[in-house]
Full PDB file with SEQRES, HELIX, SHEET, SSBOND, CRYST1, ORIGX, SCALE, CONECT and MASTER records, all heavy atoms in Angstrom:
SEQRES   1 A   30  VAL ILE SER ARG SER GLY GLY ARG THR MET TYR ALA ASP          
SEQRES   2 A   30  SER VAL LYS GLY ARG PHE THR ILE SER ARG ASP ASN ALA          
SEQRES   3 A   30  ASN ASN MET VAL                                              
HELIX    1 AA1 ASP A   13  VAL A   15  5                                   3    
CRYST1    1.000    1.000    1.000  90.00  90.00  90.00 P 1           1          
ORIGX1      1.000000  0.000000  0.000000        0.00000                         
ORIGX2      0.000000  1.000000  0.000000        0.00000                         
ORIGX3      0.000000  0.000000  1.000000        0.00000                         
SCALE1      1.000000  0.000000  0.000000        0.00000                         
SCALE2      0.000000  1.000000  0.000000        0.00000                         
SCALE3      0.000000  0.000000  1.000000        0.00000                         
ATOM      1  N   VAL A   1     -13.042  -7.031   9.030  1.00  0.00           N  
ATOM      2  CA  VAL A   1     -12.767  -6.070   7.959  1.00  0.00           C  
ATOM      3  C   VAL A   1     -11.385  -6.321   7.409  1.00  0.00           C  
ATOM      4  O   VAL A   1     -10.512  -6.894   8.075  1.00  0.00           O  
ATOM      5  CB  VAL A   1     -12.917  -4.599   8.459  1.00  0.00           C  
ATOM      6  CG1 VAL A   1     -14.354  -4.262   8.773  1.00  0.00           C  
ATOM      7  CG2 VAL A   1     -11.991  -4.333   9.613  1.00  0.00           C  
ATOM      8  N   ILE A   2     -11.197  -5.865   6.166  1.00  0.00           N  
ATOM      9  CA  ILE A   2      -9.879  -6.048   5.526  1.00  0.00           C  
ATOM     10  C   ILE A   2      -9.577  -4.793   4.730  1.00  0.00           C  
ATOM     11  O   ILE A   2     -10.448  -4.228   4.044  1.00  0.00           O  
ATOM     12  CB  ILE A   2      -9.903  -7.337   4.633  1.00  0.00           C  
ATOM     13  CG1 ILE A   2      -8.529  -7.647   4.087  1.00  0.00           C  
ATOM     14  CG2 ILE A   2     -10.953  -7.238   3.512  1.00  0.00           C  
ATOM     15  CD1 ILE A   2      -8.451  -9.057   3.492  1.00  0.00           C  
ATOM     16  N   SER A   3      -8.336  -4.357   4.775  1.00  0.00           N  
ATOM     17  CA  SER A   3      -7.932  -3.153   4.085  1.00  0.00           C  
ATOM     18  C   SER A   3      -7.860  -3.420   2.587  1.00  0.00           C  
ATOM     19  O   SER A   3      -7.958  -4.547   2.109  1.00  0.00           O  
ATOM     20  CB  SER A   3      -6.573  -2.665   4.574  1.00  0.00           C  
ATOM     21  OG  SER A   3      -5.570  -3.623   4.262  1.00  0.00           O  
ATOM     22  N   ARG A   4      -7.650  -2.329   1.831  1.00  0.00           N  
ATOM     23  CA  ARG A   4      -7.774  -2.437   0.390  1.00  0.00           C  
ATOM     24  C   ARG A   4      -6.753  -3.379  -0.248  1.00  0.00           C  
ATOM     25  O   ARG A   4      -6.999  -4.000  -1.264  1.00  0.00           O  
ATOM     26  CB  ARG A   4      -7.758  -1.069  -0.246  1.00  0.00           C  
ATOM     27  CG  ARG A   4      -6.474  -0.314  -0.102  1.00  0.00           C  
ATOM     28  CD  ARG A   4      -6.619   1.055  -0.718  1.00  0.00           C  
ATOM     29  NE  ARG A   4      -5.347   1.648  -1.055  1.00  0.00           N  
ATOM     30  CZ  ARG A   4      -5.222   2.817  -1.674  1.00  0.00           C  
ATOM     31  NH1 ARG A   4      -6.297   3.513  -2.010  1.00  0.00           N  
ATOM     32  NH2 ARG A   4      -4.040   3.273  -1.979  1.00  0.00           N  
ATOM     33  N   SER A   5      -5.562  -3.481   0.388  1.00  0.00           N  
ATOM     34  CA  SER A   5      -4.552  -4.396  -0.141  1.00  0.00           C  
ATOM     35  C   SER A   5      -4.697  -5.781   0.414  1.00  0.00           C  
ATOM     36  O   SER A   5      -4.081  -6.736  -0.073  1.00  0.00           O  
ATOM     37  CB  SER A   5      -3.156  -3.872   0.210  1.00  0.00           C  
ATOM     38  OG  SER A   5      -2.869  -4.108   1.580  1.00  0.00           O  
ATOM     39  N   GLY A   6      -5.448  -5.923   1.502  1.00  0.00           N  
ATOM     40  CA  GLY A   6      -5.553  -7.188   2.204  1.00  0.00           C  
ATOM     41  C   GLY A   6      -4.521  -7.304   3.315  1.00  0.00           C  
ATOM     42  O   GLY A   6      -4.505  -8.312   4.010  1.00  0.00           O  
ATOM     43  N   GLY A   7      -3.683  -6.296   3.463  1.00  0.00           N  
ATOM     44  CA  GLY A   7      -2.577  -6.409   4.428  1.00  0.00           C  
ATOM     45  C   GLY A   7      -2.975  -6.164   5.871  1.00  0.00           C  
ATOM     46  O   GLY A   7      -2.224  -6.456   6.772  1.00  0.00           O  
ATOM     47  N   ARG A   8      -4.147  -5.593   6.054  1.00  0.00           N  
ATOM     48  CA  ARG A   8      -4.609  -5.314   7.387  1.00  0.00           C  
ATOM     49  C   ARG A   8      -6.009  -5.846   7.615  1.00  0.00           C  
ATOM     50  O   ARG A   8      -6.902  -5.589   6.829  1.00  0.00           O  
ATOM     51  CB  ARG A   8      -4.608  -3.805   7.643  1.00  0.00           C  
ATOM     52  CG  ARG A   8      -3.245  -3.193   7.735  1.00  0.00           C  
ATOM     53  CD  ARG A   8      -3.239  -1.674   7.789  1.00  0.00           C  
ATOM     54  NE  ARG A   8      -1.948  -1.126   8.098  1.00  0.00           N  
ATOM     55  CZ  ARG A   8      -0.949  -0.991   7.241  1.00  0.00           C  
ATOM     56  NH1 ARG A   8      -1.130  -1.348   5.982  1.00  0.00           N  
ATOM     57  NH2 ARG A   8       0.198  -0.447   7.641  1.00  0.00           N  
ATOM     58  N   THR A   9      -6.145  -6.645   8.641  1.00  0.00           N  
ATOM     59  CA  THR A   9      -7.423  -7.227   8.989  1.00  0.00           C  
ATOM     60  C   THR A   9      -7.742  -7.022  10.459  1.00  0.00           C  
ATOM     61  O   THR A   9      -6.837  -6.863  11.298  1.00  0.00           O  
ATOM     62  CB  THR A   9      -7.468  -8.732   8.701  1.00  0.00           C  
ATOM     63  OG1 THR A   9      -6.416  -9.385   9.453  1.00  0.00           O  
ATOM     64  CG2 THR A   9      -7.215  -9.027   7.225  1.00  0.00           C  
ATOM     65  N   MET A  10      -9.016  -7.013  10.750  1.00  0.00           N  
ATOM     66  CA  MET A  10      -9.456  -6.905  12.126  1.00  0.00           C  
ATOM     67  C   MET A  10     -10.686  -7.822  12.315  1.00  0.00           C  
ATOM     68  O   MET A  10     -11.496  -7.981  11.331  1.00  0.00           O  
ATOM     69  CB  MET A  10      -9.849  -5.467  12.509  1.00  0.00           C  
ATOM     70  CG  MET A  10      -8.707  -4.513  12.554  1.00  0.00           C  
ATOM     71  SD  MET A  10      -9.211  -2.864  13.032  1.00  0.00           S  
ATOM     72  CE  MET A  10      -9.707  -3.168  14.740  1.00  0.00           C  
ATOM     73  N   TYR A  11     -10.840  -8.387  13.514  1.00  0.00           N  
ATOM     74  CA  TYR A  11     -11.926  -9.298  13.781  1.00  0.00           C  
ATOM     75  C   TYR A  11     -12.611  -8.936  15.095  1.00  0.00           C  
ATOM     76  O   TYR A  11     -11.967  -8.466  16.026  1.00  0.00           O  
ATOM     77  CB  TYR A  11     -11.383 -10.730  13.887  1.00  0.00           C  
ATOM     78  CG  TYR A  11     -10.790 -11.276  12.635  1.00  0.00           C  
ATOM     79  CD1 TYR A  11      -9.412 -11.098  12.361  1.00  0.00           C  
ATOM     80  CD2 TYR A  11     -11.554 -11.935  11.703  1.00  0.00           C  
ATOM     81  CE1 TYR A  11      -8.858 -11.595  11.200  1.00  0.00           C  
ATOM     82  CE2 TYR A  11     -11.013 -12.428  10.506  1.00  0.00           C  
ATOM     83  CZ  TYR A  11      -9.650 -12.257  10.259  1.00  0.00           C  
ATOM     84  OH  TYR A  11      -9.108 -12.751   9.117  1.00  0.00           O  
ATOM     85  N   ALA A  12     -13.884  -9.195  15.137  1.00  0.00           N  
ATOM     86  CA  ALA A  12     -14.597  -9.112  16.386  1.00  0.00           C  
ATOM     87  C   ALA A  12     -14.001 -10.136  17.348  1.00  0.00           C  
ATOM     88  O   ALA A  12     -13.587 -11.231  16.923  1.00  0.00           O  
ATOM     89  CB  ALA A  12     -16.089  -9.391  16.213  1.00  0.00           C  
ATOM     90  N   ASP A  13     -13.942  -9.827  18.628  1.00  0.00           N  
ATOM     91  CA  ASP A  13     -13.339 -10.730  19.574  1.00  0.00           C  
ATOM     92  C   ASP A  13     -14.045 -12.092  19.557  1.00  0.00           C  
ATOM     93  O   ASP A  13     -13.384 -13.134  19.741  1.00  0.00           O  
ATOM     94  CB  ASP A  13     -13.433 -10.143  20.988  1.00  0.00           C  
ATOM     95  CG  ASP A  13     -12.466  -8.968  21.209  1.00  0.00           C  
ATOM     96  OD1 ASP A  13     -11.572  -8.814  20.398  1.00  0.00           O  
ATOM     97  OD2 ASP A  13     -12.703  -8.225  22.150  1.00  0.00           O  
ATOM     98  N   SER A  14     -15.314 -12.099  19.328  1.00  0.00           N  
ATOM     99  CA  SER A  14     -16.074 -13.325  19.379  1.00  0.00           C  
ATOM    100  C   SER A  14     -15.738 -14.333  18.259  1.00  0.00           C  
ATOM    101  O   SER A  14     -16.058 -15.513  18.348  1.00  0.00           O  
ATOM    102  CB  SER A  14     -17.582 -13.046  19.333  1.00  0.00           C  
ATOM    103  OG  SER A  14     -17.905 -12.373  18.129  1.00  0.00           O  
ATOM    104  N   VAL A  15     -15.091 -13.822  17.196  1.00  0.00           N  
ATOM    105  CA  VAL A  15     -14.782 -14.704  16.066  1.00  0.00           C  
ATOM    106  C   VAL A  15     -13.296 -14.911  15.839  1.00  0.00           C  
ATOM    107  O   VAL A  15     -12.899 -15.695  14.963  1.00  0.00           O  
ATOM    108  CB  VAL A  15     -15.415 -14.175  14.733  1.00  0.00           C  
ATOM    109  CG1 VAL A  15     -16.898 -13.916  14.928  1.00  0.00           C  
ATOM    110  CG2 VAL A  15     -14.699 -12.945  14.227  1.00  0.00           C  
ATOM    111  N   LYS A  16     -12.463 -14.254  16.625  1.00  0.00           N  
ATOM    112  CA  LYS A  16     -11.020 -14.373  16.456  1.00  0.00           C  
ATOM    113  C   LYS A  16     -10.587 -15.821  16.596  1.00  0.00           C  
ATOM    114  O   LYS A  16     -11.025 -16.533  17.497  1.00  0.00           O  
ATOM    115  CB  LYS A  16     -10.307 -13.538  17.491  1.00  0.00           C  
ATOM    116  CG  LYS A  16     -10.226 -12.034  17.142  1.00  0.00           C  
ATOM    117  CD  LYS A  16      -9.489 -11.269  18.214  1.00  0.00           C  
ATOM    118  CE  LYS A  16      -9.470  -9.786  17.922  1.00  0.00           C  
ATOM    119  NZ  LYS A  16      -8.814  -9.005  19.000  1.00  0.00           N  
ATOM    120  N   GLY A  17      -9.744 -16.245  15.682  1.00  0.00           N  
ATOM    121  CA  GLY A  17      -9.256 -17.615  15.708  1.00  0.00           C  
ATOM    122  C   GLY A  17     -10.165 -18.624  14.977  1.00  0.00           C  
ATOM    123  O   GLY A  17      -9.744 -19.759  14.764  1.00  0.00           O  
ATOM    124  N   ARG A  18     -11.377 -18.195  14.656  1.00  0.00           N  
ATOM    125  CA  ARG A  18     -12.305 -19.116  13.985  1.00  0.00           C  
ATOM    126  C   ARG A  18     -12.675 -18.620  12.578  1.00  0.00           C  
ATOM    127  O   ARG A  18     -12.927 -19.431  11.694  1.00  0.00           O  
ATOM    128  CB  ARG A  18     -13.574 -19.284  14.820  1.00  0.00           C  
ATOM    129  CG  ARG A  18     -13.382 -19.876  16.178  1.00  0.00           C  
ATOM    130  CD  ARG A  18     -14.695 -20.126  16.893  1.00  0.00           C  
ATOM    131  NE  ARG A  18     -15.434 -18.878  17.131  1.00  0.00           N  
ATOM    132  CZ  ARG A  18     -16.613 -18.603  16.599  1.00  0.00           C  
ATOM    133  NH1 ARG A  18     -17.228 -19.495  15.795  1.00  0.00           N  
ATOM    134  NH2 ARG A  18     -17.228 -17.446  16.850  1.00  0.00           N  
ATOM    135  N   PHE A  19     -12.731 -17.327  12.392  1.00  0.00           N  
ATOM    136  CA  PHE A  19     -13.101 -16.728  11.114  1.00  0.00           C  
ATOM    137  C   PHE A  19     -11.871 -16.132  10.453  1.00  0.00           C  
ATOM    138  O   PHE A  19     -10.991 -15.613  11.113  1.00  0.00           O  
ATOM    139  CB  PHE A  19     -14.147 -15.647  11.282  1.00  0.00           C  
ATOM    140  CG  PHE A  19     -15.534 -16.098  11.688  1.00  0.00           C  
ATOM    141  CD1 PHE A  19     -15.758 -17.378  12.183  1.00  0.00           C  
ATOM    142  CD2 PHE A  19     -16.587 -15.257  11.585  1.00  0.00           C  
ATOM    143  CE1 PHE A  19     -17.035 -17.770  12.546  1.00  0.00           C  
ATOM    144  CE2 PHE A  19     -17.866 -15.619  11.941  1.00  0.00           C  
ATOM    145  CZ  PHE A  19     -18.077 -16.888  12.431  1.00  0.00           C  
ATOM    146  N   THR A  20     -11.872 -16.178   9.104  1.00  0.00           N  
ATOM    147  CA  THR A  20     -10.771 -15.572   8.347  1.00  0.00           C  
ATOM    148  C   THR A  20     -11.380 -14.795   7.190  1.00  0.00           C  
ATOM    149  O   THR A  20     -12.115 -15.352   6.357  1.00  0.00           O  
ATOM    150  CB  THR A  20      -9.821 -16.629   7.801  1.00  0.00           C  
ATOM    151  OG1 THR A  20      -9.288 -17.397   8.890  1.00  0.00           O  
ATOM    152  CG2 THR A  20      -8.673 -15.959   7.058  1.00  0.00           C  
ATOM    153  N   ILE A  21     -11.022 -13.512   7.097  1.00  0.00           N  
ATOM    154  CA  ILE A  21     -11.435 -12.706   5.980  1.00  0.00           C  
ATOM    155  C   ILE A  21     -10.296 -12.636   4.981  1.00  0.00           C  
ATOM    156  O   ILE A  21      -9.123 -12.531   5.390  1.00  0.00           O  
ATOM    157  CB  ILE A  21     -11.873 -11.273   6.425  1.00  0.00           C  
ATOM    158  CG1 ILE A  21     -12.490 -10.500   5.270  1.00  0.00           C  
ATOM    159  CG2 ILE A  21     -10.720 -10.504   7.077  1.00  0.00           C  
ATOM    160  CD1 ILE A  21     -13.151  -9.181   5.700  1.00  0.00           C  
ATOM    161  N   SER A  22     -10.633 -12.663   3.697  1.00  0.00           N  
ATOM    162  CA  SER A  22      -9.585 -12.573   2.652  1.00  0.00           C  
ATOM    163  C   SER A  22     -10.198 -11.902   1.435  1.00  0.00           C  
ATOM    164  O   SER A  22     -11.421 -11.773   1.331  1.00  0.00           O  
ATOM    165  CB  SER A  22      -9.021 -13.933   2.325  1.00  0.00           C  
ATOM    166  OG  SER A  22     -10.039 -14.776   1.807  1.00  0.00           O  
ATOM    167  N   ARG A  23      -9.347 -11.488   0.525  1.00  0.00           N  
ATOM    168  CA  ARG A  23      -9.818 -10.837  -0.676  1.00  0.00           C  
ATOM    169  C   ARG A  23      -8.970 -11.226  -1.887  1.00  0.00           C  
ATOM    170  O   ARG A  23      -7.799 -11.560  -1.728  1.00  0.00           O  
ATOM    171  CB  ARG A  23      -9.905  -9.335  -0.526  1.00  0.00           C  
ATOM    172  CG  ARG A  23      -8.581  -8.645  -0.326  1.00  0.00           C  
ATOM    173  CD  ARG A  23      -8.780  -7.171   0.010  1.00  0.00           C  
ATOM    174  NE  ARG A  23      -9.412  -6.410  -1.064  1.00  0.00           N  
ATOM    175  CZ  ARG A  23     -10.056  -5.277  -0.873  1.00  0.00           C  
ATOM    176  NH1 ARG A  23     -10.156  -4.751   0.318  1.00  0.00           N  
ATOM    177  NH2 ARG A  23     -10.551  -4.647  -1.942  1.00  0.00           N  
ATOM    178  N   ASP A  24      -9.580 -11.134  -3.037  1.00  0.00           N  
ATOM    179  CA  ASP A  24      -8.878 -11.387  -4.306  1.00  0.00           C  
ATOM    180  C   ASP A  24      -9.109 -10.166  -5.176  1.00  0.00           C  
ATOM    181  O   ASP A  24     -10.176  -9.997  -5.806  1.00  0.00           O  
ATOM    182  CB  ASP A  24      -9.494 -12.639  -4.959  1.00  0.00           C  
ATOM    183  CG  ASP A  24      -8.889 -12.959  -6.311  1.00  0.00           C  
ATOM    184  OD1 ASP A  24      -8.070 -12.141  -6.804  1.00  0.00           O  
ATOM    185  OD2 ASP A  24      -9.222 -14.010  -6.873  1.00  0.00           O  
ATOM    186  N   ASN A  25      -8.123  -9.268  -5.195  1.00  0.00           N  
ATOM    187  CA  ASN A  25      -8.289  -8.009  -5.946  1.00  0.00           C  
ATOM    188  C   ASN A  25      -8.307  -8.199  -7.463  1.00  0.00           C  
ATOM    189  O   ASN A  25      -8.804  -7.376  -8.183  1.00  0.00           O  
ATOM    190  CB  ASN A  25      -7.201  -7.017  -5.550  1.00  0.00           C  
ATOM    191  CG  ASN A  25      -7.472  -6.370  -4.195  1.00  0.00           C  
ATOM    192  OD1 ASN A  25      -8.517  -6.641  -3.562  1.00  0.00           O  
ATOM    193  ND2 ASN A  25      -6.556  -5.542  -3.739  1.00  0.00           N  
ATOM    194  N   ALA A  26      -7.771  -9.305  -7.903  1.00  0.00           N  
ATOM    195  CA  ALA A  26      -7.781  -9.562  -9.351  1.00  0.00           C  
ATOM    196  C   ALA A  26      -9.192  -9.886  -9.849  1.00  0.00           C  
ATOM    197  O   ALA A  26      -9.519  -9.682 -11.010  1.00  0.00           O  
ATOM    198  CB  ALA A  26      -6.820 -10.688  -9.673  1.00  0.00           C  
ATOM    199  N   ASN A  27      -9.977 -10.470  -8.941  1.00  0.00           N  
ATOM    200  CA  ASN A  27     -11.310 -10.923  -9.325  1.00  0.00           C  
ATOM    201  C   ASN A  27     -12.466 -10.219  -8.589  1.00  0.00           C  
ATOM    202  O   ASN A  27     -13.628 -10.649  -8.689  1.00  0.00           O  
ATOM    203  CB  ASN A  27     -11.423 -12.420  -9.129  1.00  0.00           C  
ATOM    204  CG  ASN A  27     -10.551 -13.193 -10.105  1.00  0.00           C  
ATOM    205  OD1 ASN A  27     -10.785 -13.135 -11.324  1.00  0.00           O  
ATOM    206  ND2 ASN A  27      -9.540 -13.858  -9.585  1.00  0.00           N  
ATOM    207  N   ASN A  28     -12.126  -9.164  -7.854  1.00  0.00           N  
ATOM    208  CA  ASN A  28     -13.134  -8.373  -7.147  1.00  0.00           C  
ATOM    209  C   ASN A  28     -13.978  -9.222  -6.201  1.00  0.00           C  
ATOM    210  O   ASN A  28     -15.216  -9.108  -6.208  1.00  0.00           O  
ATOM    211  CB  ASN A  28     -14.035  -7.616  -8.149  1.00  0.00           C  
ATOM    212  CG  ASN A  28     -13.312  -6.513  -8.883  1.00  0.00           C  
ATOM    213  OD1 ASN A  28     -12.090  -6.430  -8.857  1.00  0.00           O  
ATOM    214  ND2 ASN A  28     -14.078  -5.674  -9.570  1.00  0.00           N  
ATOM    215  N   MET A  29     -13.295 -10.006  -5.416  1.00  0.00           N  
ATOM    216  CA  MET A  29     -14.008 -10.927  -4.502  1.00  0.00           C  
ATOM    217  C   MET A  29     -13.497 -10.710  -3.050  1.00  0.00           C  
ATOM    218  O   MET A  29     -12.294 -10.467  -2.843  1.00  0.00           O  
ATOM    219  CB  MET A  29     -13.812 -12.383  -4.870  1.00  0.00           C  
ATOM    220  CG  MET A  29     -14.400 -12.764  -6.217  1.00  0.00           C  
ATOM    221  SD  MET A  29     -16.197 -12.788  -6.255  1.00  0.00           S  
ATOM    222  CE  MET A  29     -16.522 -14.108  -5.101  1.00  0.00           C  
ATOM    223  N   VAL A  30     -14.367 -10.906  -2.104  1.00  0.00           N  
ATOM    224  CA  VAL A  30     -13.976 -10.972  -0.697  1.00  0.00           C  
ATOM    225  C   VAL A  30     -14.642 -12.159  -0.093  1.00  0.00           C  
ATOM    226  O   VAL A  30     -15.757 -12.537  -0.482  1.00  0.00           O  
ATOM    227  CB  VAL A  30     -14.332  -9.657   0.029  1.00  0.00           C  
ATOM    228  CG1 VAL A  30     -15.836  -9.395   0.062  1.00  0.00           C  
ATOM    229  CG2 VAL A  30     -13.744  -9.635   1.441  1.00  0.00           C  
TER     230      VAL A  30                                                      
MASTER        0    0    0    1    0    0    0    6  229    1    0    3          
END                                                                             
């Protein structure tokens, strides 16, 4: 998950270090 600004993220333990969530608020993309 990622907060509305993108400044806070959390990951399931099973994916930590392998997955990255990000967002582009200018283009409404995650």
